[in-house]
Amino acid sequence: MKGRGIALLCLLPFAIFYLAFQIAPLVWIAINSFYSEMNEAWGWSNYSDIFTSTFYQQAIRFSLDISFWSSFYGLIIALVGGYSLHQLGSGKLHRFFMSFTNMTSNFAGVPLAFAFVILLGLNGCLTLLMRKYGLMEGFKLYSTQGLIVVYTWFQIPLGLLLLYPAFDGLKKEWEESAALLGASRLRFWLHIGLPILTPALLGTFVILLANALGAYATIYALTTGNFNVIPVRIAALVSGDISLDPHMGSALAMVLVVLMSVITIVHQWLVRRSYQHAR
């Protein structure tokens, strides 16, 4: 009993930190999101404006579009990369790739935007090279497709780090047993490999989706805040010089929280279903 009390006492600083920097700001944002500066009254005006305004609807649509596709592409590439790394086994090449992945997982924000401007900007080195040979016609870095490419880049290392441990759950004996029973490699992955990896795949996808939905520095540095996504709109409303309205920014932030809550609930439901089918 004494040991448990000491353990709880040690957790007290973490609990205070969590309440001060997680719960309290969320409660403050939730309360202030119901105050309308335009009407100078409490109510649902901010949320009504968000869901009736074409401008805010576009921000939500662009955010979901970029986040979904960058998470999907990042997950597929991370799945292939994780399997390849697992097949390498422990060795110098394996350690090199893991170290490289850890390093590139932190390569985001302004440095990543600067790198893509140099490579794929309007006069980037790869853009000029591809244009010379008639390739990449119509590709624009500052469009939705271009931003999906940028987001996918910083999703891959995170997805790889999250997915790689899941391959330890796939035993080599299972693949050998399936082969002895006449199953092809494709059937093994369809009926054994992927069902076992499904909870990890779903969990990784949700984390990548949250990572992309909340990304701000990269897209702001790349487009100087001229691309309409939710984080950029929140920043403009909270610290902008023209359309300063922190209460509307709070409402947009709560929309983002609700979106992530719905995605997480669906994820938990799918994971439970996958575990039931695995049994």
Protein backbone atom coordinates (compact mmCIF):
# COMPACT_ATOMS: atom_id res chain seq x y z
CA MET A 1 0.00 0.00 0.00
CA LYS A 2 2.87 2.34 0.84
CA GLY A 3 4.56 1.60 -2.48
CA ARG A 4 1.35 2.38 -4.36
CA GLY A 5 1.05 5.70 -2.54
CA ILE A 6 4.62 6.62 -3.51
CA ALA A 7 3.88 5.66 -7.13
CA LEU A 8 0.76 7.86 -7.15
CA LEU A 9 2.77 10.71 -5.64
CA CYS A 10 5.34 10.37 -8.41
CA LEU A 11 2.54 10.59 -10.97
CA LEU A 12 1.26 13.84 -9.46
CA PRO A 13 3.58 16.17 -11.49
CA PHE A 14 2.51 14.42 -14.69
CA ALA A 15 -1.18 14.76 -13.73
CA ILE A 16 -0.75 18.48 -13.01
CA PHE A 17 1.10 18.97 -16.29
CA TYR A 18 -1.60 17.06 -18.19
CA LEU A 19 -4.43 19.07 -16.60
CA ALA A 20 -2.67 22.39 -17.14
CA PHE A 21 -1.62 21.87 -20.77
CA GLN A 22 -4.21 19.40 -22.12
CA ILE A 23 -7.52 19.52 -20.25
CA ALA A 24 -7.64 23.19 -19.22
CA PRO A 25 -6.93 24.60 -22.74
CA LEU A 26 -9.46 22.19 -24.27
CA VAL A 27 -12.15 23.27 -21.77
CA TRP A 28 -11.30 26.95 -22.37
CA ILE A 29 -11.55 26.52 -26.15
CA ALA A 30 -14.82 24.57 -25.87
CA ILE A 31 -16.44 27.29 -23.71
CA ASN A 32 -15.20 30.24 -25.80
CA SER A 33 -16.26 28.60 -29.05
CA PHE A 34 -19.89 29.41 -28.15
CA TYR A 35 -19.33 33.18 -27.92
CA SER A 36 -19.87 35.18 -31.10
CA GLU A 37 -17.95 38.44 -31.34
CA MET A 38 -20.10 39.58 -34.25
CA ASN A 39 -23.36 39.13 -32.36
CA GLU A 40 -21.78 39.76 -28.94
CA ALA A 41 -23.82 36.89 -27.53
CA TRP A 42 -23.48 33.25 -26.51
CA GLY A 43 -24.92 30.57 -28.76
CA TRP A 44 -24.32 28.41 -31.81
CA SER A 45 -23.58 31.26 -34.20
CA ASN A 46 -19.93 30.32 -34.77
CA TYR A 47 -20.78 26.72 -35.62
CA SER A 48 -23.67 27.85 -37.83
CA ASP A 49 -21.29 30.14 -39.74
CA ILE A 50 -18.75 27.32 -40.16
CA PHE A 51 -21.23 24.82 -41.59
CA THR A 52 -23.02 27.34 -43.83
CA SER A 53 -19.92 29.13 -45.13
CA THR A 54 -18.50 27.81 -48.41
CA PHE A 55 -15.08 29.10 -47.35
CA TYR A 56 -14.94 27.07 -44.11
CA GLN A 57 -16.50 24.03 -45.78
CA GLN A 58 -13.70 24.19 -48.36
CA ALA A 59 -11.11 24.29 -45.55
CA ILE A 60 -12.62 21.17 -43.95
CA ARG A 61 -12.80 19.39 -47.30
CA PHE A 62 -9.22 20.23 -48.26
CA SER A 63 -7.93 19.18 -44.82
CA LEU A 64 -9.70 15.82 -44.97
CA ASP A 65 -8.70 15.24 -48.60
CA ILE A 66 -4.99 15.92 -48.05
CA SER A 67 -4.91 14.08 -44.71
CA PHE A 68 -6.71 10.97 -45.98
CA TRP A 69 -4.70 10.46 -49.16
CA SER A 70 -1.32 11.31 -47.63
CA SER A 71 -2.07 8.89 -44.76
CA PHE A 72 -3.19 6.18 -47.19
CA TYR A 73 -0.13 6.51 -49.45
CA GLY A 74 2.18 6.81 -46.44
CA LEU A 75 0.66 3.68 -44.90
CA ILE A 76 1.09 1.61 -48.09
CA ILE A 77 4.71 2.68 -48.53
CA ALA A 78 5.42 2.14 -44.82
CA LEU A 79 3.86 -1.34 -45.03
CA VAL A 80 6.16 -2.35 -47.87
CA GLY A 81 9.14 -0.71 -46.19
CA GLY A 82 8.41 -2.33 -42.82
CA TYR A 83 8.14 -5.78 -44.40
CA SER A 84 11.41 -5.24 -46.30
CA LEU A 85 13.20 -4.10 -43.14
CA HIS A 86 11.85 -7.09 -41.23
CA GLN A 87 13.11 -9.44 -43.93
CA LEU A 88 16.59 -7.88 -43.73
CA GLY A 89 17.00 -9.09 -40.17
CA SER A 90 19.43 -7.54 -37.73
CA GLY A 91 22.55 -6.26 -39.43
CA LYS A 92 24.42 -3.11 -40.40
CA LEU A 93 22.04 -2.29 -43.26
CA HIS A 94 19.03 -2.76 -40.98
CA ARG A 95 20.51 -0.51 -38.30
CA PHE A 96 21.38 2.11 -40.92
CA PHE A 97 17.82 2.23 -42.29
CA MET A 98 16.30 2.38 -38.80
CA SER A 99 18.63 5.26 -37.84
CA PHE A 100 17.83 7.01 -41.12
CA THR A 101 14.08 6.57 -40.52
CA ASN A 102 14.39 8.00 -36.99
CA MET A 103 16.25 10.99 -38.38
CA THR A 104 13.84 11.69 -41.25
CA SER A 105 10.79 11.37 -38.97
CA ASN A 106 11.84 14.75 -37.53
CA PHE A 107 12.37 16.31 -40.96
CA ALA A 108 9.23 18.42 -41.27
CA GLY A 109 8.07 22.00 -41.01
CA VAL A 110 10.09 24.80 -42.62
CA PRO A 111 13.14 22.66 -43.63
CA LEU A 112 10.87 20.18 -45.45
CA ALA A 113 8.99 22.99 -47.23
CA PHE A 114 12.30 24.59 -48.27
CA ALA A 115 13.59 21.25 -49.60
CA PHE A 116 10.47 20.71 -51.72
CA VAL A 117 10.62 24.26 -53.09
CA ILE A 118 14.19 23.58 -54.24
CA LEU A 119 13.25 20.20 -55.76
CA LEU A 120 9.69 20.59 -57.05
CA GLY A 121 8.94 24.31 -56.93
CA LEU A 122 8.06 26.31 -60.05
CA ASN A 123 11.78 26.51 -60.89
CA GLY A 124 12.97 23.56 -58.82
CA CYS A 125 15.81 21.40 -60.12
CA LEU A 126 13.63 18.30 -60.61
CA THR A 127 10.82 20.38 -62.11
CA LEU A 128 13.15 21.89 -64.73
CA LEU A 129 14.70 18.51 -65.47
CA MET A 130 11.35 16.76 -65.89
CA ARG A 131 9.94 19.65 -67.91
CA LYS A 132 12.88 19.33 -70.30
CA TYR A 133 11.84 15.75 -71.11
CA GLY A 134 8.11 16.49 -71.20
CA LEU A 135 7.33 14.90 -67.84
CA MET A 136 5.32 16.21 -64.86
CA GLU A 137 3.11 18.34 -67.11
CA GLY A 138 0.40 19.96 -65.04
CA PHE A 139 1.98 19.11 -61.66
CA LYS A 140 2.01 22.04 -59.24
CA LEU A 141 3.65 21.81 -55.83
CA TYR A 142 1.27 24.39 -54.39
CA SER A 143 -1.90 22.52 -55.43
CA THR A 144 -3.79 19.83 -53.52
CA GLN A 145 -1.89 17.09 -55.37
CA GLY A 146 1.44 18.73 -54.60
CA LEU A 147 0.61 19.08 -50.92
CA ILE A 148 -0.43 15.42 -50.78
CA VAL A 149 3.09 14.55 -52.05
CA VAL A 150 4.69 16.76 -49.37
CA TYR A 151 2.51 15.36 -46.59
CA THR A 152 3.14 11.79 -47.74
CA TRP A 153 6.86 12.41 -47.42
CA PHE A 154 6.71 13.13 -43.69
CA GLN A 155 4.08 10.43 -43.11
CA ILE A 156 6.31 7.60 -44.39
CA PRO A 157 8.97 7.61 -41.60
CA LEU A 158 6.35 7.87 -38.85
CA GLY A 159 4.28 5.08 -40.40
CA LEU A 160 7.38 2.90 -40.75
CA LEU A 161 8.36 3.37 -37.11
CA LEU A 162 4.83 2.53 -35.96
CA LEU A 163 4.32 -0.47 -38.26
CA TYR A 164 7.70 -2.15 -38.03
CA PRO A 165 7.16 -3.76 -34.56
CA ALA A 166 3.89 -5.32 -35.80
CA PHE A 167 5.81 -7.60 -38.17
CA ASP A 168 7.27 -9.39 -35.15
CA GLY A 169 3.80 -10.88 -34.69
CA LEU A 170 4.11 -12.70 -38.02
CA LYS A 171 5.98 -15.92 -37.42
CA LYS A 172 7.97 -17.42 -40.27
CA GLU A 173 6.60 -20.88 -39.37
CA TRP A 174 3.09 -19.75 -40.33
CA GLU A 175 4.19 -18.87 -43.86
CA GLU A 176 6.05 -22.18 -44.16
CA SER A 177 3.02 -24.11 -42.91
CA ALA A 178 0.76 -22.31 -45.37
CA ALA A 179 3.17 -23.12 -48.21
CA LEU A 180 3.22 -26.81 -47.20
CA LEU A 181 -0.58 -26.84 -47.34
CA GLY A 182 -0.46 -25.45 -50.87
CA ALA A 183 -1.23 -21.80 -50.18
CA SER A 184 0.45 -19.24 -52.41
CA ARG A 185 2.18 -16.17 -50.99
CA LEU A 186 -0.79 -14.04 -52.04
CA ARG A 187 -3.27 -16.28 -50.22
CA PHE A 188 -1.04 -16.27 -47.14
CA TRP A 189 -1.11 -12.46 -47.02
CA LEU A 190 -4.82 -12.23 -47.76
CA HIS A 191 -5.94 -14.80 -45.18
CA ILE A 192 -3.21 -14.72 -42.52
CA GLY A 193 -0.73 -11.84 -42.84
CA LEU A 194 -3.01 -8.86 -43.41
CA PRO A 195 -5.72 -9.96 -40.89
CA ILE A 196 -3.03 -10.19 -38.18
CA LEU A 197 -1.61 -6.79 -39.17
CA THR A 198 -5.05 -5.13 -39.48
CA PRO A 199 -5.18 -3.66 -35.91
CA ALA A 200 -1.69 -2.19 -36.36
CA LEU A 201 -2.59 -0.87 -39.83
CA LEU A 202 -5.76 0.80 -38.55
CA GLY A 203 -4.00 2.28 -35.53
CA THR A 204 -1.16 3.61 -37.68
CA PHE A 205 -3.61 5.08 -40.20
CA VAL A 206 -5.46 6.99 -37.46
CA ILE A 207 -2.20 8.37 -36.04
CA LEU A 208 -1.07 9.44 -39.53
CA LEU A 209 -4.46 11.05 -40.11
CA ALA A 210 -4.18 13.02 -36.87
CA ASN A 211 -0.62 13.97 -37.75
CA ALA A 212 -1.72 15.35 -41.12
CA LEU A 213 -4.89 17.08 -39.86
CA GLY A 214 -2.90 19.04 -37.27
CA ALA A 215 0.10 19.86 -39.48
CA TYR A 216 0.64 23.61 -39.74
CA ALA A 217 4.29 24.64 -40.12
CA THR A 218 4.96 22.81 -43.40
CA ILE A 219 1.90 24.05 -45.28
CA TYR A 220 2.26 27.57 -43.91
CA ALA A 221 5.92 27.79 -44.92
CA LEU A 222 5.15 26.31 -48.34
CA THR A 223 2.13 28.47 -49.20
CA THR A 224 2.64 31.43 -46.79
CA GLY A 225 -0.81 30.73 -45.38
CA ASN A 226 -2.62 31.05 -48.72
CA PHE A 227 -3.93 27.48 -48.86
CA ASN A 228 -7.28 26.97 -47.21
CA VAL A 229 -7.01 24.22 -44.57
CA ILE A 230 -8.26 24.15 -40.97
CA PRO A 231 -4.94 24.75 -39.12
CA VAL A 232 -4.14 27.76 -41.34
CA ARG A 233 -7.64 29.19 -40.80
CA ILE A 234 -7.35 28.74 -37.02
CA ALA A 235 -3.98 30.51 -37.00
CA ALA A 236 -5.36 33.37 -39.11
CA LEU A 237 -8.33 33.81 -36.77
CA VAL A 238 -6.21 33.68 -33.60
CA SER A 239 -3.18 35.74 -34.65
CA GLY A 240 -4.12 37.34 -37.98
CA ASP A 241 -4.01 41.06 -38.65
CA ILE A 242 -7.17 41.24 -40.77
CA SER A 243 -9.70 38.66 -39.57
CA LEU A 244 -8.90 38.41 -35.87
CA ASP A 245 -11.64 36.34 -34.20
CA PRO A 246 -10.27 33.91 -31.56
CA HIS A 247 -13.76 32.67 -30.68
CA MET A 248 -14.36 31.53 -34.26
CA GLY A 249 -10.89 29.98 -34.16
CA SER A 250 -11.94 28.09 -31.03
CA ALA A 251 -15.04 26.80 -32.85
CA LEU A 252 -12.90 25.59 -35.77
CA ALA A 253 -10.55 23.90 -33.30
CA MET A 254 -13.51 22.09 -31.73
CA VAL A 255 -14.63 20.95 -35.20
CA LEU A 256 -11.14 19.48 -35.61
CA VAL A 257 -11.46 17.78 -32.20
CA VAL A 258 -14.86 16.32 -33.14
CA LEU A 259 -13.50 15.05 -36.47
CA MET A 260 -10.63 13.27 -34.71
CA SER A 261 -12.99 11.89 -32.05
CA VAL A 262 -15.28 10.42 -34.72
CA ILE A 263 -12.30 8.92 -36.57
CA THR A 264 -10.97 7.43 -33.31
CA ILE A 265 -14.37 5.91 -32.42
CA VAL A 266 -14.66 4.34 -35.88
CA HIS A 267 -11.10 3.08 -35.53
CA GLN A 268 -11.84 1.41 -32.20
CA TRP A 269 -14.94 -0.24 -33.65
CA LEU A 270 -13.00 -1.56 -36.66
CA VAL A 271 -10.19 -2.84 -34.42
CA ARG A 272 -12.67 -4.74 -32.25
CA ARG A 273 -14.24 -6.28 -35.35
CA SER A 274 -10.82 -7.29 -36.69
CA TYR A 275 -9.91 -8.95 -33.38
CA GLN A 276 -13.22 -10.85 -33.40
CA HIS A 277 -12.62 -12.09 -36.95
CA ALA A 278 -9.05 -13.06 -36.05
CA ARG A 279 -10.39 -15.28 -33.27
